[in-house]
Amino acid sequence: MQLYGITMRFPKSEVYGLTSQMRRAAVAIPSNIAEGYVRKHRKEYAQFVNIAFASGAELETQLEISKKLRYVTDSDYFAIISLLGEVMRMLNKLSKVLSSGN
């Protein structure tokens, strides 16, 4: 994961701060999708997709903070935010599909 490489360059003082939070948020996205899917109920799956979306929003905020603190370069920031934007659009679409009942 590209995010792990970027956070490895964060200051050691952030190991239990932003580094840990960002990694957890990034891992929570696919983990929640998987957990919701195995529940076998559409409503539960939709709820876990929404939780995954919220983790994406958390990560977006943490990326903004990291950029303001100059822990990430502009190129790394835009690369990750672009990937995250794509994931968020997919999650948004999946959430709408699951909620519509189609």
N, C-alpha and C. Protein backbone atom coordinates (compact mmCIF):
# COMPACT_ATOMS: atom_id res chain seq x y z
N MET A 1 0.83 -1.18 0.00
CA MET A 1 0.00 0.00 0.00
C MET A 1 0.88 1.25 0.00
N GLN A 2 0.56 2.13 -0.88
CA GLN A 2 1.31 3.37 -1.03
C GLN A 2 1.30 4.18 0.27
N LEU A 3 0.20 4.14 0.98
CA LEU A 3 0.08 4.91 2.21
C LEU A 3 1.11 4.48 3.25
N TYR A 4 1.39 3.18 3.33
CA TYR A 4 2.37 2.70 4.30
C TYR A 4 3.74 3.27 4.01
N GLY A 5 4.12 3.31 2.73
CA GLY A 5 5.41 3.88 2.35
C GLY A 5 5.51 5.34 2.72
N ILE A 6 4.44 6.07 2.51
CA ILE A 6 4.43 7.50 2.83
C ILE A 6 4.53 7.72 4.33
N THR A 7 3.75 6.97 5.10
CA THR A 7 3.76 7.17 6.56
C THR A 7 5.05 6.69 7.21
N MET A 8 5.80 5.85 6.52
CA MET A 8 7.11 5.43 7.06
C MET A 8 8.07 6.62 7.17
N ARG A 9 7.82 7.64 6.36
CA ARG A 9 8.68 8.82 6.37
C ARG A 9 8.22 9.89 7.37
N PHE A 10 7.12 9.63 8.06
CA PHE A 10 6.64 10.58 9.06
C PHE A 10 7.62 10.60 10.24
N PRO A 11 7.62 11.69 11.01
CA PRO A 11 8.49 11.72 12.19
C PRO A 11 8.15 10.59 13.16
N LYS A 12 9.16 10.12 13.85
CA LYS A 12 8.97 9.04 14.83
C LYS A 12 7.96 9.43 15.90
N SER A 13 7.84 10.71 16.18
CA SER A 13 6.88 11.17 17.19
C SER A 13 5.43 10.92 16.76
N GLU A 14 5.21 10.63 15.49
CA GLU A 14 3.86 10.37 14.99
C GLU A 14 3.50 8.89 14.90
N VAL A 15 4.39 8.03 15.35
CA VAL A 15 4.14 6.58 15.26
C VAL A 15 2.79 6.22 15.89
N TYR A 16 2.49 6.78 17.04
CA TYR A 16 1.24 6.46 17.72
C TYR A 16 0.17 7.52 17.46
N GLY A 17 0.48 8.47 16.60
CA GLY A 17 -0.46 9.52 16.25
C GLY A 17 -0.97 9.32 14.83
N LEU A 18 -0.62 10.24 13.96
CA LEU A 18 -1.12 10.21 12.58
C LEU A 18 -0.77 8.93 11.84
N THR A 19 0.44 8.45 12.00
CA THR A 19 0.84 7.23 11.28
C THR A 19 -0.12 6.09 11.59
N SER A 20 -0.34 5.86 12.86
CA SER A 20 -1.22 4.77 13.29
C SER A 20 -2.67 5.02 12.84
N GLN A 21 -3.14 6.22 13.01
CA GLN A 21 -4.53 6.54 12.64
C GLN A 21 -4.76 6.38 11.15
N MET A 22 -3.83 6.86 10.35
CA MET A 22 -3.99 6.79 8.90
C MET A 22 -3.95 5.35 8.42
N ARG A 23 -3.06 4.57 8.97
CA ARG A 23 -2.98 3.15 8.57
C ARG A 23 -4.25 2.40 8.98
N ARG A 24 -4.73 2.67 10.18
CA ARG A 24 -5.96 2.01 10.63
C ARG A 24 -7.14 2.39 9.75
N ALA A 25 -7.26 3.67 9.41
CA ALA A 25 -8.37 4.12 8.56
C ALA A 25 -8.28 3.46 7.18
N ALA A 26 -7.07 3.39 6.62
CA ALA A 26 -6.89 2.79 5.30
C ALA A 26 -7.24 1.30 5.31
N VAL A 27 -6.85 0.59 6.35
CA VAL A 27 -7.15 -0.84 6.47
C VAL A 27 -8.64 -1.06 6.78
N ALA A 28 -9.25 -0.12 7.49
CA ALA A 28 -10.66 -0.25 7.86
C ALA A 28 -11.59 -0.23 6.64
N ILE A 29 -11.18 0.44 5.57
CA ILE A 29 -12.05 0.53 4.40
C ILE A 29 -12.34 -0.86 3.83
N PRO A 30 -11.34 -1.61 3.36
CA PRO A 30 -11.65 -2.94 2.81
C PRO A 30 -12.13 -3.92 3.88
N SER A 31 -11.67 -3.75 5.10
CA SER A 31 -12.08 -4.66 6.18
C SER A 31 -13.58 -4.55 6.43
N ASN A 32 -14.11 -3.34 6.46
CA ASN A 32 -15.54 -3.16 6.68
C ASN A 32 -16.37 -3.66 5.50
N ILE A 33 -15.87 -3.47 4.30
CA ILE A 33 -16.58 -4.00 3.12
C ILE A 33 -16.66 -5.52 3.23
N ALA A 34 -15.55 -6.15 3.55
CA ALA A 34 -15.52 -7.61 3.66
C ALA A 34 -16.44 -8.10 4.78
N GLU A 35 -16.37 -7.45 5.93
CA GLU A 35 -17.21 -7.87 7.05
C GLU A 35 -18.69 -7.73 6.72
N GLY A 36 -19.05 -6.64 6.09
CA GLY A 36 -20.45 -6.44 5.71
C GLY A 36 -20.92 -7.45 4.69
N TYR A 37 -20.05 -7.77 3.75
CA TYR A 37 -20.43 -8.73 2.70
C TYR A 37 -20.72 -10.11 3.27
N VAL A 38 -19.93 -10.55 4.22
CA VAL A 38 -20.13 -11.89 4.76
C VAL A 38 -21.33 -11.99 5.69
N ARG A 39 -21.92 -10.88 6.06
CA ARG A 39 -23.10 -10.90 6.91
C ARG A 39 -24.32 -11.46 6.18
N LYS A 40 -24.29 -11.44 4.85
CA LYS A 40 -25.33 -12.03 4.00
C LYS A 40 -26.67 -11.30 4.03
N HIS A 41 -26.74 -10.17 4.69
CA HIS A 41 -27.97 -9.38 4.68
C HIS A 41 -27.67 -8.03 4.06
N ARG A 42 -28.43 -7.66 3.08
CA ARG A 42 -28.19 -6.44 2.31
C ARG A 42 -28.12 -5.19 3.20
N LYS A 43 -29.03 -5.12 4.17
CA LYS A 43 -29.08 -3.95 5.06
C LYS A 43 -27.79 -3.84 5.88
N GLU A 44 -27.31 -4.96 6.39
CA GLU A 44 -26.07 -4.95 7.16
C GLU A 44 -24.89 -4.61 6.26
N TYR A 45 -24.88 -5.16 5.06
CA TYR A 45 -23.82 -4.87 4.11
C TYR A 45 -23.78 -3.37 3.83
N ALA A 46 -24.94 -2.77 3.59
CA ALA A 46 -25.03 -1.33 3.33
C ALA A 46 -24.47 -0.54 4.51
N GLN A 47 -24.77 -0.98 5.72
CA GLN A 47 -24.27 -0.28 6.91
C GLN A 47 -22.74 -0.32 6.97
N PHE A 48 -22.16 -1.48 6.68
CA PHE A 48 -20.71 -1.60 6.72
C PHE A 48 -20.05 -0.82 5.59
N VAL A 49 -20.71 -0.72 4.45
CA VAL A 49 -20.19 0.11 3.36
C VAL A 49 -20.18 1.57 3.80
N ASN A 50 -21.21 1.99 4.51
CA ASN A 50 -21.25 3.35 5.04
C ASN A 50 -20.14 3.59 6.07
N ILE A 51 -19.84 2.59 6.87
CA ILE A 51 -18.75 2.70 7.83
C ILE A 51 -17.41 2.82 7.08
N ALA A 52 -17.26 2.03 6.02
CA ALA A 52 -16.05 2.11 5.19
C ALA A 52 -15.91 3.51 4.60
N PHE A 53 -17.02 4.09 4.16
CA PHE A 53 -17.02 5.44 3.61
C PHE A 53 -16.56 6.44 4.67
N ALA A 54 -17.04 6.26 5.89
CA ALA A 54 -16.64 7.14 6.99
C ALA A 54 -15.14 7.02 7.27
N SER A 55 -14.61 5.82 7.17
CA SER A 55 -13.16 5.63 7.35
C SER A 55 -12.40 6.37 6.26
N GLY A 56 -12.95 6.37 5.05
CA GLY A 56 -12.33 7.13 3.96
C GLY A 56 -12.33 8.62 4.25
N ALA A 57 -13.40 9.11 4.82
CA ALA A 57 -13.48 10.53 5.19
C ALA A 57 -12.46 10.85 6.28
N GLU A 58 -12.29 9.94 7.23
CA GLU A 58 -11.27 10.10 8.27
C GLU A 58 -9.89 10.21 7.65
N LEU A 59 -9.61 9.30 6.73
CA LEU A 59 -8.31 9.28 6.07
C LEU A 59 -8.08 10.57 5.28
N GLU A 60 -9.10 11.04 4.63
CA GLU A 60 -8.99 12.29 3.88
C GLU A 60 -8.60 13.45 4.80
N THR A 61 -9.25 13.52 5.95
CA THR A 61 -8.94 14.56 6.94
C THR A 61 -7.50 14.42 7.44
N GLN A 62 -7.09 13.20 7.72
CA GLN A 62 -5.74 12.96 8.22
C GLN A 62 -4.69 13.31 7.16
N LEU A 63 -5.02 13.08 5.90
CA LEU A 63 -4.11 13.47 4.82
C LEU A 63 -3.97 14.99 4.74
N GLU A 64 -5.09 15.68 4.92
CA GLU A 64 -5.05 17.15 4.92
C GLU A 64 -4.16 17.66 6.05
N ILE A 65 -4.32 17.09 7.22
CA ILE A 65 -3.49 17.49 8.37
C ILE A 65 -2.02 17.21 8.08
N SER A 66 -1.74 16.03 7.53
CA SER A 66 -0.36 15.65 7.21
C SER A 66 0.26 16.60 6.20
N LYS A 67 -0.55 17.03 5.25
CA LYS A 67 -0.06 17.99 4.24
C LYS A 67 0.25 19.33 4.89
N LYS A 68 -0.64 19.79 5.75
CA LYS A 68 -0.43 21.08 6.43
C LYS A 68 0.81 21.05 7.33
N LEU A 69 1.08 19.88 7.91
CA LEU A 69 2.27 19.71 8.75
C LEU A 69 3.53 19.44 7.93
N ARG A 70 3.35 19.34 6.62
CA ARG A 70 4.45 19.06 5.67
C ARG A 70 5.09 17.69 5.89
N TYR A 71 4.27 16.73 6.30
CA TYR A 71 4.74 15.36 6.42
C TYR A 71 4.67 14.64 5.08
N VAL A 72 3.83 15.13 4.19
CA VAL A 72 3.71 14.52 2.85
C VAL A 72 4.03 15.58 1.80
N THR A 73 4.64 15.14 0.72
CA THR A 73 4.91 16.04 -0.39
C THR A 73 3.61 16.28 -1.16
N ASP A 74 3.61 17.31 -1.95
CA ASP A 74 2.43 17.59 -2.77
C ASP A 74 2.14 16.43 -3.71
N SER A 75 3.17 15.87 -4.31
CA SER A 75 2.95 14.77 -5.26
C SER A 75 2.39 13.53 -4.56
N ASP A 76 2.91 13.21 -3.37
CA ASP A 76 2.37 12.07 -2.61
C ASP A 76 0.93 12.34 -2.19
N TYR A 77 0.69 13.55 -1.74
CA TYR A 77 -0.66 13.92 -1.32
C TYR A 77 -1.65 13.76 -2.47
N PHE A 78 -1.33 14.32 -3.62
CA PHE A 78 -2.26 14.26 -4.75
C PHE A 78 -2.43 12.84 -5.28
N ALA A 79 -1.38 12.03 -5.21
CA ALA A 79 -1.49 10.64 -5.63
C ALA A 79 -2.45 9.87 -4.72
N ILE A 80 -2.28 10.02 -3.42
CA ILE A 80 -3.13 9.30 -2.46
C ILE A 80 -4.55 9.84 -2.48
N ILE A 81 -4.71 11.16 -2.54
CA ILE A 81 -6.05 11.74 -2.51
C ILE A 81 -6.82 11.35 -3.77
N SER A 82 -6.11 11.20 -4.87
CA SER A 82 -6.75 10.76 -6.12
C SER A 82 -7.25 9.33 -5.99
N LEU A 83 -6.42 8.45 -5.46
CA LEU A 83 -6.83 7.06 -5.24
C LEU A 83 -7.99 6.98 -4.25
N LEU A 84 -7.89 7.75 -3.19
CA LEU A 84 -8.95 7.76 -2.18
C LEU A 84 -10.25 8.28 -2.78
N GLY A 85 -10.16 9.30 -3.62
CA GLY A 85 -11.36 9.83 -4.28
C GLY A 85 -12.05 8.78 -5.12
N GLU A 86 -11.25 7.97 -5.82
CA GLU A 86 -11.80 6.89 -6.63
C GLU A 86 -12.51 5.85 -5.76
N VAL A 87 -11.88 5.49 -4.66
CA VAL A 87 -12.48 4.53 -3.73
C VAL A 87 -13.78 5.10 -3.15
N MET A 88 -13.76 6.36 -2.78
CA MET A 88 -14.94 6.99 -2.19
C MET A 88 -16.10 7.02 -3.19
N ARG A 89 -15.81 7.31 -4.46
CA ARG A 89 -16.86 7.29 -5.49
C ARG A 89 -17.45 5.89 -5.64
N MET A 90 -16.59 4.88 -5.62
CA MET A 90 -17.09 3.50 -5.72
C MET A 90 -17.95 3.13 -4.51
N LEU A 91 -17.50 3.52 -3.33
CA LEU A 91 -18.27 3.23 -2.12
C LEU A 91 -19.61 3.96 -2.13
N ASN A 92 -19.61 5.18 -2.59
CA ASN A 92 -20.85 5.96 -2.69
C ASN A 92 -21.83 5.28 -3.63
N LYS A 93 -21.33 4.83 -4.77
CA LYS A 93 -22.19 4.13 -5.75
C LYS A 93 -22.71 2.82 -5.15
N LEU A 94 -21.84 2.05 -4.53
CA LEU A 94 -22.26 0.78 -3.91
C LEU A 94 -23.30 1.03 -2.83
N SER A 95 -23.11 2.05 -2.04
CA SER A 95 -24.06 2.38 -0.99
C SER A 95 -25.44 2.70 -1.59
N LYS A 96 -25.46 3.47 -2.66
CA LYS A 96 -26.72 3.81 -3.32
C LYS A 96 -27.41 2.57 -3.89
N VAL A 97 -26.65 1.69 -4.49
CA VAL A 97 -27.20 0.46 -5.05
C VAL A 97 -27.79 -0.42 -3.94
N LEU A 98 -27.03 -0.57 -2.87
CA LEU A 98 -27.51 -1.42 -1.76
C LEU A 98 -28.74 -0.82 -1.09
N SER A 99 -28.80 0.48 -1.00
CA SER A 99 -29.95 1.14 -0.35
C SER A 99 -31.19 1.16 -1.22
N SER A 100 -30.99 1.13 -2.55
CA SER A 100 -32.14 1.19 -3.46
C SER A 100 -32.86 -0.14 -3.57
N GLY A 101 -32.18 -1.21 -3.25
CA GLY A 101 -32.83 -2.52 -3.32
C GLY A 101 -32.77 -3.16 -4.69
N ASN A 102 -32.05 -2.55 -5.64
CA ASN A 102 -31.92 -3.11 -6.99
C ASN A 102 -30.85 -4.15 -7.06
